[in-house]
Amino acid sequence: MDHLLYEDSEVGSARLIRAPVASSPEIPVLRIHGAEVAGDFGPADILADPWSGKPSTERAADVVHAWAADPDRTEEQRAAARLFLRQWSDGPQMDG
């Protein structure tokens, strides 16, 4: 699993990938690689602003949920987003 959510030459990239943990190979994480923010994030993690690196109110689940809501997403992409979002029952979820 490796789905590109966002890529910008100045800000960086965000991908939904398999967790790099052997005990849970099917659990996706949001991997962000940028100048100010980098790392693997779960759905409840609060993200920093990619331009300033300062904390924001946006969580990783918000980013993935918005990305998955695009009607052009494939069923495979939506399934990966569902797996990611289900890790945090209090966060946004997708039907199906």
PDB file of N, CA and C in Angstrom:
ATOM      1  N   MET A   1       0.855  -1.172   0.000  1.00  0.00           N
ATOM      2  CA  MET A   1       0.000   0.000   0.000  1.00  0.00           C
ATOM      3  C   MET A   1       0.898   1.231   0.000  1.00  0.00           C
ATOM      4  N   ASP A   2       0.658   2.092  -0.952  1.00  0.00           N
ATOM      5  CA  ASP A   2       1.375   3.365  -1.023  1.00  0.00           C
ATOM      6  C   ASP A   2       0.536   4.296  -1.891  1.00  0.00           C
ATOM      7  N   HIS A   3      -0.183   5.210  -1.230  1.00  0.00           N
ATOM      8  CA  HIS A   3      -1.067   6.122  -1.940  1.00  0.00           C
ATOM      9  C   HIS A   3      -0.616   7.559  -1.688  1.00  0.00           C
ATOM     10  N   LEU A   4      -0.338   8.275  -2.760  1.00  0.00           N
ATOM     11  CA  LEU A   4       0.071   9.670  -2.658  1.00  0.00           C
ATOM     12  C   LEU A   4      -1.145  10.542  -2.400  1.00  0.00           C
ATOM     13  N   LEU A   5      -1.112  11.316  -1.307  1.00  0.00           N
ATOM     14  CA  LEU A   5      -2.198  12.233  -0.983  1.00  0.00           C
ATOM     15  C   LEU A   5      -1.886  13.626  -1.489  1.00  0.00           C
ATOM     16  N   TYR A   6      -0.618  13.995  -1.381  1.00  0.00           N
ATOM     17  CA  TYR A   6      -0.235  15.368  -1.705  1.00  0.00           C
ATOM     18  C   TYR A   6       1.256  15.412  -1.972  1.00  0.00           C
ATOM     19  N   GLU A   7       1.647  16.244  -2.944  1.00  0.00           N
ATOM     20  CA  GLU A   7       3.067  16.453  -3.201  1.00  0.00           C
ATOM     21  C   GLU A   7       3.272  17.860  -3.735  1.00  0.00           C
ATOM     22  N   ASP A   8       4.240  18.536  -3.143  1.00  0.00           N
ATOM     23  CA  ASP A   8       4.577  19.897  -3.533  1.00  0.00           C
ATOM     24  C   ASP A   8       6.079  20.055  -3.353  1.00  0.00           C
ATOM     25  N   SER A   9       6.751  20.622  -4.336  1.00  0.00           N
ATOM     26  CA  SER A   9       8.204  20.717  -4.266  1.00  0.00           C
ATOM     27  C   SER A   9       8.690  21.600  -3.121  1.00  0.00           C
ATOM     28  N   GLU A  10       7.880  22.547  -2.677  1.00  0.00           N
ATOM     29  CA  GLU A  10       8.296  23.433  -1.585  1.00  0.00           C
ATOM     30  C   GLU A  10       7.871  22.921  -0.215  1.00  0.00           C
ATOM     31  N   VAL A  11       6.692  22.333  -0.115  1.00  0.00           N
ATOM     32  CA  VAL A  11       6.144  21.914   1.180  1.00  0.00           C
ATOM     33  C   VAL A  11       6.517  20.474   1.510  1.00  0.00           C
ATOM     34  N   GLY A  12       6.477  19.587   0.542  1.00  0.00           N
ATOM     35  CA  GLY A  12       6.789  18.180   0.768  1.00  0.00           C
ATOM     36  C   GLY A  12       5.688  17.274   0.278  1.00  0.00           C
ATOM     37  N   SER A  13       5.576  16.099   0.892  1.00  0.00           N
ATOM     38  CA  SER A  13       4.590  15.114   0.433  1.00  0.00           C
ATOM     39  C   SER A  13       3.906  14.432   1.609  1.00  0.00           C
ATOM     40  N   ALA A  14       2.750  13.856   1.297  1.00  0.00           N
ATOM     41  CA  ALA A  14       1.996  13.057   2.271  1.00  0.00           C
ATOM     42  C   ALA A  14       1.533  11.802   1.548  1.00  0.00           C
ATOM     43  N   ARG A  15       1.753  10.656   2.188  1.00  0.00           N
ATOM     44  CA  ARG A  15       1.384   9.372   1.612  1.00  0.00           C
ATOM     45  C   ARG A  15       0.697   8.524   2.660  1.00  0.00           C
ATOM     46  N   LEU A  16      -0.210   7.693   2.221  1.00  0.00           N
ATOM     47  CA  LEU A  16      -0.829   6.689   3.077  1.00  0.00           C
ATOM     48  C   LEU A  16      -0.112   5.387   2.758  1.00  0.00           C
ATOM     49  N   ILE A  17       0.621   4.855   3.747  1.00  0.00           N
ATOM     50  CA  ILE A  17       1.450   3.666   3.522  1.00  0.00           C
ATOM     51  C   ILE A  17       1.161   2.619   4.596  1.00  0.00           C
ATOM     52  N   ARG A  18       1.658   1.402   4.389  1.00  0.00           N
ATOM     53  CA  ARG A  18       1.582   0.362   5.426  1.00  0.00           C
ATOM     54  C   ARG A  18       2.462   0.765   6.585  1.00  0.00           C
ATOM     55  N   ALA A  19       2.000   0.492   7.773  1.00  0.00           N
ATOM     56  CA  ALA A  19       2.796   0.788   8.964  1.00  0.00           C
ATOM     57  C   ALA A  19       4.106   0.010   8.894  1.00  0.00           C
ATOM     58  N   PRO A  20       5.204   0.670   9.200  1.00  0.00           N
ATOM     59  CA  PRO A  20       6.499  -0.021   9.139  1.00  0.00           C
ATOM     60  C   PRO A  20       6.752  -0.884  10.373  1.00  0.00           C
ATOM     61  N   VAL A  21       5.718  -1.621  10.809  1.00  0.00           N
ATOM     62  CA  VAL A  21       5.808  -2.482  11.985  1.00  0.00           C
ATOM     63  C   VAL A  21       5.379  -3.882  11.562  1.00  0.00           C
ATOM     64  N   ALA A  22       6.229  -4.847  11.796  1.00  0.00           N
ATOM     65  CA  ALA A  22       5.938  -6.214  11.354  1.00  0.00           C
ATOM     66  C   ALA A  22       4.694  -6.787  12.010  1.00  0.00           C
ATOM     67  N   SER A  23       4.366  -6.344  13.222  1.00  0.00           N
ATOM     68  CA  SER A  23       3.215  -6.908  13.925  1.00  0.00           C
ATOM     69  C   SER A  23       1.877  -6.443  13.356  1.00  0.00           C
ATOM     70  N   SER A  24       1.876  -5.387  12.562  1.00  0.00           N
ATOM     71  CA  SER A  24       0.615  -4.893  11.994  1.00  0.00           C
ATOM     72  C   SER A  24       0.824  -4.433  10.549  1.00  0.00           C
ATOM     73  N   PRO A  25       1.103  -5.385   9.643  1.00  0.00           N
ATOM     74  CA  PRO A  25       1.434  -5.012   8.268  1.00  0.00           C
ATOM     75  C   PRO A  25       0.284  -4.409   7.461  1.00  0.00           C
ATOM     76  N   GLU A  26      -0.946  -4.581   7.924  1.00  0.00           N
ATOM     77  CA  GLU A  26      -2.080  -4.053   7.168  1.00  0.00           C
ATOM     78  C   GLU A  26      -2.575  -2.707   7.702  1.00  0.00           C
ATOM     79  N   ILE A  27      -1.970  -2.193   8.753  1.00  0.00           N
ATOM     80  CA  ILE A  27      -2.422  -0.935   9.338  1.00  0.00           C
ATOM     81  C   ILE A  27      -1.713   0.225   8.653  1.00  0.00           C
ATOM     82  N   PRO A  28      -2.466   1.112   8.015  1.00  0.00           N
ATOM     83  CA  PRO A  28      -1.836   2.237   7.338  1.00  0.00           C
ATOM     84  C   PRO A  28      -1.488   3.380   8.299  1.00  0.00           C
ATOM     85  N   VAL A  29      -0.474   4.131   7.921  1.00  0.00           N
ATOM     86  CA  VAL A  29      -0.097   5.361   8.611  1.00  0.00           C
ATOM     87  C   VAL A  29      -0.002   6.470   7.572  1.00  0.00           C
ATOM     88  N   LEU A  30      -0.123   7.688   8.029  1.00  0.00           N
ATOM     89  CA  LEU A  30       0.072   8.848   7.165  1.00  0.00           C
ATOM     90  C   LEU A  30       1.529   9.265   7.308  1.00  0.00           C
ATOM     91  N   ARG A  31       2.308   9.120   6.258  1.00  0.00           N
ATOM     92  CA  ARG A  31       3.717   9.511   6.276  1.00  0.00           C
ATOM     93  C   ARG A  31       3.847  10.874   5.610  1.00  0.00           C
ATOM     94  N   ILE A  32       4.353  11.804   6.388  1.00  0.00           N
ATOM     95  CA  ILE A  32       4.568  13.161   5.874  1.00  0.00           C
ATOM     96  C   ILE A  32       6.066  13.405   5.833  1.00  0.00           C
ATOM     97  N   HIS A  33       6.511  13.932   4.711  1.00  0.00           N
ATOM     98  CA  HIS A  33       7.922  14.272   4.547  1.00  0.00           C
ATOM     99  C   HIS A  33       7.983  15.700   4.023  1.00  0.00           C
ATOM    100  N   GLY A  34       8.411  16.598   4.897  1.00  0.00           N
ATOM    101  CA  GLY A  34       8.495  17.997   4.498  1.00  0.00           C
ATOM    102  C   GLY A  34       9.589  18.710   5.260  1.00  0.00           C
ATOM    103  N   ALA A  35       9.801  19.954   4.907  1.00  0.00           N
ATOM    104  CA  ALA A  35      10.860  20.747   5.529  1.00  0.00           C
ATOM    105  C   ALA A  35      10.581  20.992   7.012  1.00  0.00           C
ATOM    106  N   GLU A  36       9.340  21.246   7.371  1.00  0.00           N
ATOM    107  CA  GLU A  36       8.987  21.589   8.752  1.00  0.00           C
ATOM    108  C   GLU A  36       8.343  20.450   9.518  1.00  0.00           C
ATOM    109  N   VAL A  37       7.768  19.492   8.805  1.00  0.00           N
ATOM    110  CA  VAL A  37       7.057  18.381   9.443  1.00  0.00           C
ATOM    111  C   VAL A  37       7.474  17.089   8.751  1.00  0.00           C
ATOM    112  N   ALA A  38       7.810  16.081   9.544  1.00  0.00           N
ATOM    113  CA  ALA A  38       8.156  14.788   8.960  1.00  0.00           C
ATOM    114  C   ALA A  38       7.868  13.692   9.977  1.00  0.00           C
ATOM    115  N   GLY A  39       7.410  12.551   9.474  1.00  0.00           N
ATOM    116  CA  GLY A  39       7.173  11.413  10.352  1.00  0.00           C
ATOM    117  C   GLY A  39       5.958  10.616   9.933  1.00  0.00           C
ATOM    118  N   ASP A  40       5.680   9.585  10.721  1.00  0.00           N
ATOM    119  CA  ASP A  40       4.513   8.737  10.516  1.00  0.00           C
ATOM    120  C   ASP A  40       3.468   9.115  11.560  1.00  0.00           C
ATOM    121  N   PHE A  41       2.216   9.244  11.117  1.00  0.00           N
ATOM    122  CA  PHE A  41       1.146   9.726  11.986  1.00  0.00           C
ATOM    123  C   PHE A  41      -0.049   8.788  11.941  1.00  0.00           C
ATOM    124  N   GLY A  42      -0.665   8.593  13.097  1.00  0.00           N
ATOM    125  CA  GLY A  42      -1.920   7.870  13.204  1.00  0.00           C
ATOM    126  C   GLY A  42      -3.062   8.857  13.093  1.00  0.00           C
ATOM    127  N   PRO A  43      -4.297   8.373  12.992  1.00  0.00           N
ATOM    128  CA  PRO A  43      -5.435   9.258  12.745  1.00  0.00           C
ATOM    129  C   PRO A  43      -5.675  10.321  13.812  1.00  0.00           C
ATOM    130  N   ALA A  44      -5.390  10.039  15.068  1.00  0.00           N
ATOM    131  CA  ALA A  44      -5.660  11.012  16.135  1.00  0.00           C
ATOM    132  C   ALA A  44      -4.528  12.019  16.325  1.00  0.00           C
ATOM    133  N   ASP A  45      -3.426  11.830  15.633  1.00  0.00           N
ATOM    134  CA  ASP A  45      -2.290  12.738  15.796  1.00  0.00           C
ATOM    135  C   ASP A  45      -2.599  14.120  15.238  1.00  0.00           C
ATOM    136  N   ILE A  46      -2.238  15.122  16.022  1.00  0.00           N
ATOM    137  CA  ILE A  46      -2.399  16.515  15.590  1.00  0.00           C
ATOM    138  C   ILE A  46      -1.189  16.877  14.743  1.00  0.00           C
ATOM    139  N   LEU A  47      -1.455  17.445  13.586  1.00  0.00           N
ATOM    140  CA  LEU A  47      -0.393  17.799  12.655  1.00  0.00           C
ATOM    141  C   LEU A  47       0.063  19.237  12.861  1.00  0.00           C
ATOM    142  N   ALA A  48       1.294  19.483  12.516  1.00  0.00           N
ATOM    143  CA  ALA A  48       1.813  20.843  12.534  1.00  0.00           C
ATOM    144  C   ALA A  48       1.539  21.481  11.182  1.00  0.00           C
ATOM    145  N   ASP A  49       1.490  22.788  11.156  1.00  0.00           N
ATOM    146  CA  ASP A  49       1.332  23.520   9.905  1.00  0.00           C
ATOM    147  C   ASP A  49       2.556  23.234   9.034  1.00  0.00           C
ATOM    148  N   PRO A  50       2.370  22.774   7.792  1.00  0.00           N
ATOM    149  CA  PRO A  50       3.519  22.396   6.969  1.00  0.00           C
ATOM    150  C   PRO A  50       4.411  23.575   6.568  1.00  0.00           C
ATOM    151  N   TRP A  51       3.883  24.779   6.631  1.00  0.00           N
ATOM    152  CA  TRP A  51       4.684  25.938   6.238  1.00  0.00           C
ATOM    153  C   TRP A  51       5.486  26.504   7.404  1.00  0.00           C
ATOM    154  N   SER A  52       4.920  26.464   8.604  1.00  0.00           N
ATOM    155  CA  SER A  52       5.599  27.069   9.754  1.00  0.00           C
ATOM    156  C   SER A  52       6.128  26.046  10.743  1.00  0.00           C
ATOM    157  N   GLY A  53       5.573  24.826  10.717  1.00  0.00           N
ATOM    158  CA  GLY A  53       5.962  23.826  11.692  1.00  0.00           C
ATOM    159  C   GLY A  53       5.274  23.999  13.034  1.00  0.00           C
ATOM    160  N   LYS A  54       4.459  25.040  13.175  1.00  0.00           N
ATOM    161  CA  LYS A  54       3.753  25.287  14.433  1.00  0.00           C
ATOM    162  C   LYS A  54       2.513  24.392  14.516  1.00  0.00           C
ATOM    163  N   PRO A  55       2.115  24.022  15.745  1.00  0.00           N
ATOM    164  CA  PRO A  55       0.931  23.160  15.900  1.00  0.00           C
ATOM    165  C   PRO A  55      -0.325  23.790  15.301  1.00  0.00           C
ATOM    166  N   SER A  56      -1.184  22.932  14.776  1.00  0.00           N
ATOM    167  CA  SER A  56      -2.469  23.370  14.242  1.00  0.00           C
ATOM    168  C   SER A  56      -3.560  22.576  14.956  1.00  0.00           C
ATOM    169  N   THR A  57      -4.781  22.712  14.516  1.00  0.00           N
ATOM    170  CA  THR A  57      -5.882  21.934  15.088  1.00  0.00           C
ATOM    171  C   THR A  57      -6.264  20.777  14.186  1.00  0.00           C
ATOM    172  N   GLU A  58      -5.590  20.626  13.075  1.00  0.00           N
ATOM    173  CA  GLU A  58      -5.909  19.571  12.116  1.00  0.00           C
ATOM    174  C   GLU A  58      -5.257  18.250  12.526  1.00  0.00           C
ATOM    175  N   ARG A  59      -6.028  17.204  12.459  1.00  0.00           N
ATOM    176  CA  ARG A  59      -5.522  15.868  12.775  1.00  0.00           C
ATOM    177  C   ARG A  59      -5.268  15.103  11.484  1.00  0.00           C
ATOM    178  N   ALA A  60      -4.466  14.083  11.582  1.00  0.00           N
ATOM    179  CA  ALA A  60      -4.164  13.253  10.418  1.00  0.00           C
ATOM    180  C   ALA A  60      -5.445  12.674   9.812  1.00  0.00           C
ATOM    181  N   ALA A  61      -6.410  12.313  10.653  1.00  0.00           N
ATOM    182  CA  ALA A  61      -7.682  11.766  10.157  1.00  0.00           C
ATOM    183  C   ALA A  61      -8.408  12.767   9.261  1.00  0.00           C
ATOM    184  N   ASP A  62      -8.321  14.051   9.576  1.00  0.00           N
ATOM    185  CA  ASP A  62      -8.984  15.069   8.759  1.00  0.00           C
ATOM    186  C   ASP A  62      -8.402  15.109   7.348  1.00  0.00           C
ATOM    187  N   VAL A  63      -7.083  15.000   7.270  1.00  0.00           N
ATOM    188  CA  VAL A  63      -6.401  15.031   5.971  1.00  0.00           C
ATOM    189  C   VAL A  63      -6.801  13.823   5.133  1.00  0.00           C
ATOM    190  N   VAL A  64      -6.754  12.642   5.728  1.00  0.00           N
ATOM    191  CA  VAL A  64      -7.077  11.416   4.991  1.00  0.00           C
ATOM    192  C   VAL A  64      -8.558  11.374   4.621  1.00  0.00           C
ATOM    193  N   HIS A  65      -9.423  11.791   5.514  1.00  0.00           N
ATOM    194  CA  HIS A  65     -10.864  11.802   5.237  1.00  0.00           C
ATOM    195  C   HIS A  65     -11.179  12.723   4.061  1.00  0.00           C
ATOM    196  N   ALA A  66     -10.602  13.914   4.054  1.00  0.00           N
ATOM    197  CA  ALA A  66     -10.842  14.860   2.950  1.00  0.00           C
ATOM    198  C   ALA A  66     -10.311  14.301   1.630  1.00  0.00           C
ATOM    199  N   TRP A  67      -9.143  13.700   1.666  1.00  0.00           N
ATOM    200  CA  TRP A  67      -8.561  13.106   0.460  1.00  0.00           C
ATOM    201  C   TRP A  67      -9.454  11.990  -0.077  1.00  0.00           C
ATOM    202  N   ALA A  68      -9.916  11.116   0.799  1.00  0.00           N
ATOM    203  CA  ALA A  68     -10.727   9.964   0.399  1.00  0.00           C
ATOM    204  C   ALA A  68     -12.108  10.362  -0.112  1.00  0.00           C
ATOM    205  N   ALA A  69     -12.596  11.525   0.294  1.00  0.00           N
ATOM    206  CA  ALA A  69     -13.924  11.985  -0.129  1.00  0.00           C
ATOM    207  C   ALA A  69     -13.964  12.435  -1.591  1.00  0.00           C
ATOM    208  N   ASP A  70     -12.817  12.616  -2.204  1.00  0.00           N
ATOM    209  CA  ASP A  70     -12.762  13.021  -3.611  1.00  0.00           C
ATOM    210  C   ASP A  70     -13.400  11.922  -4.464  1.00  0.00           C
ATOM    211  N   PRO A  71     -14.375  12.259  -5.310  1.00  0.00           N
ATOM    212  CA  PRO A  71     -15.061  11.227  -6.107  1.00  0.00           C
ATOM    213  C   PRO A  71     -14.148  10.496  -7.086  1.00  0.00           C
ATOM    214  N   ASP A  72     -12.966  11.029  -7.355  1.00  0.00           N
ATOM    215  CA  ASP A  72     -12.043  10.374  -8.282  1.00  0.00           C
ATOM    216  C   ASP A  72     -11.190   9.286  -7.625  1.00  0.00           C
ATOM    217  N   ARG A  73     -11.340   9.083  -6.321  1.00  0.00           N
ATOM    218  CA  ARG A  73     -10.562   8.049  -5.621  1.00  0.00           C
ATOM    219  C   ARG A  73     -11.026   6.663  -6.056  1.00  0.00           C
ATOM    220  N   THR A  74     -10.069   5.758  -6.127  1.00  0.00           N
ATOM    221  CA  THR A  74     -10.389   4.366  -6.468  1.00  0.00           C
ATOM    222  C   THR A  74     -10.914   3.645  -5.225  1.00  0.00           C
ATOM    223  N   GLU A  75     -11.509   2.487  -5.436  1.00  0.00           N
ATOM    224  CA  GLU A  75     -11.979   1.700  -4.298  1.00  0.00           C
ATOM    225  C   GLU A  75     -10.805   1.251  -3.433  1.00  0.00           C
ATOM    226  N   GLU A  76      -9.673   0.957  -4.030  1.00  0.00           N
ATOM    227  CA  GLU A  76      -8.477   0.580  -3.265  1.00  0.00           C
ATOM    228  C   GLU A  76      -8.019   1.746  -2.365  1.00  0.00           C
ATOM    229  N   GLN A  77      -8.048   2.952  -2.892  1.00  0.00           N
ATOM    230  CA  GLN A  77      -7.681   4.122  -2.087  1.00  0.00           C
ATOM    231  C   GLN A  77      -8.672   4.343  -0.949  1.00  0.00           C
ATOM    232  N   ARG A  78      -9.944   4.209  -1.240  1.00  0.00           N
ATOM    233  CA  ARG A  78     -10.960   4.372  -0.192  1.00  0.00           C
ATOM    234  C   ARG A  78     -10.834   3.290   0.889  1.00  0.00           C
ATOM    235  N   ALA A  79     -10.520   2.060   0.478  1.00  0.00           N
ATOM    236  CA  ALA A  79     -10.345   0.974   1.449  1.00  0.00           C
ATOM    237  C   ALA A  79      -9.161   1.263   2.373  1.00  0.00           C
ATOM    238  N   ALA A  80      -8.084   1.788   1.822  1.00  0.00           N
ATOM    239  CA  ALA A  80      -6.923   2.153   2.642  1.00  0.00           C
ATOM    240  C   ALA A  80      -7.293   3.267   3.620  1.00  0.00           C
ATOM    241  N   ALA A  81      -8.057   4.245   3.151  1.00  0.00           N
ATOM    242  CA  ALA A  81      -8.496   5.341   4.025  1.00  0.00           C
ATOM    243  C   ALA A  81      -9.397   4.813   5.140  1.00  0.00           C
ATOM    244  N   ARG A  82     -10.314   3.895   4.819  1.00  0.00           N
ATOM    245  CA  ARG A  82     -11.188   3.304   5.844  1.00  0.00           C
ATOM    246  C   ARG A  82     -10.366   2.607   6.934  1.00  0.00           C
ATOM    247  N   LEU A  83      -9.372   1.825   6.516  1.00  0.00           N
ATOM    248  CA  LEU A  83      -8.513   1.139   7.485  1.00  0.00           C
ATOM    249  C   LEU A  83      -7.803   2.141   8.399  1.00  0.00           C
ATOM    250  N   PHE A  84      -7.311   3.198   7.801  1.00  0.00           N
ATOM    251  CA  PHE A  84      -6.619   4.225   8.581  1.00  0.00           C
ATOM    252  C   PHE A  84      -7.569   4.884   9.573  1.00  0.00           C
ATOM    253  N   LEU A  85      -8.732   5.302   9.101  1.00  0.00           N
ATOM    254  CA  LEU A  85      -9.681   6.033   9.942  1.00  0.00           C
ATOM    255  C   LEU A  85     -10.264   5.167  11.058  1.00  0.00           C
ATOM    256  N   ARG A  86     -10.454   3.882  10.816  1.00  0.00           N
ATOM    257  CA  ARG A  86     -11.035   2.986  11.828  1.00  0.00           C
ATOM    258  C   ARG A  86     -10.154   2.814  13.056  1.00  0.00           C
ATOM    259  N   GLN A  87      -8.904   3.190  12.965  1.00  0.00           N
ATOM    260  CA  GLN A  87      -8.006   3.086  14.114  1.00  0.00           C
ATOM    261  C   GLN A  87      -8.380   4.064  15.228  1.00  0.00           C
ATOM    262  N   TRP A  88      -9.178   5.073  14.887  1.00  0.00           N
ATOM    263  CA  TRP A  88      -9.584   6.085  15.871  1.00  0.00           C
ATOM    264  C   TRP A  88     -11.102   6.217  15.802  1.00  0.00           C
ATOM    265  N   SER A  89     -11.799   5.532  16.678  1.00  0.00           N
ATOM    266  CA  SER A  89     -13.260   5.477  16.611  1.00  0.00           C
ATOM    267  C   SER A  89     -13.940   6.831  16.864  1.00  0.00           C
ATOM    268  N   ASP A  90     -13.271   7.748  17.535  1.00  0.00           N
ATOM    269  CA  ASP A  90     -13.857   9.078  17.778  1.00  0.00           C
ATOM    270  C   ASP A  90     -13.648  10.046  16.622  1.00  0.00           C
ATOM    271  N   GLY A  91     -12.900   9.645  15.628  1.00  0.00           N
ATOM    272  CA  GLY A  91     -12.602  10.536  14.503  1.00  0.00           C
ATOM    273  C   GLY A  91     -13.579  10.349  13.356  1.00  0.00           C
ATOM    274  N   PRO A  92     -13.348  11.083  12.264  1.00  0.00           N
ATOM    275  CA  PRO A  92     -14.233  10.960  11.102  1.00  0.00           C
ATOM    276  C   PRO A  92     -14.114   9.559  10.497  1.00  0.00           C
ATOM    277  N   GLN A  93     -15.220   9.051  10.001  1.00  0.00           N
ATOM    278  CA  GLN A  93     -15.258   7.722   9.393  1.00  0.00           C
ATOM    279  C   GLN A  93     -15.855   7.827   7.993  1.00  0.00           C
ATOM    280  N   MET A  94     -15.691   6.765   7.238  1.00  0.00           N
ATOM    281  CA  MET A  94     -16.268   6.676   5.894  1.00  0.00           C
ATOM    282  C   MET A  94     -17.300   5.573   5.888  1.00  0.00           C
ATOM    283  N   ASP A  95     -18.360   5.775   5.133  1.00  0.00           N
ATOM    284  CA  ASP A  95     -19.384   4.732   4.970  1.00  0.00           C
ATOM    285  C   ASP A  95     -18.821   3.603   4.140  1.00  0.00           C
ATOM    286  N   GLY A  96     -19.339   2.423   4.380  1.00  0.00           N
ATOM    287  CA  GLY A  96     -18.954   1.272   3.573  1.00  0.00           C
ATOM    288  C   GLY A  96     -17.821   0.581   4.172  1.00  0.00           C
TER     289      GLY A  96
END
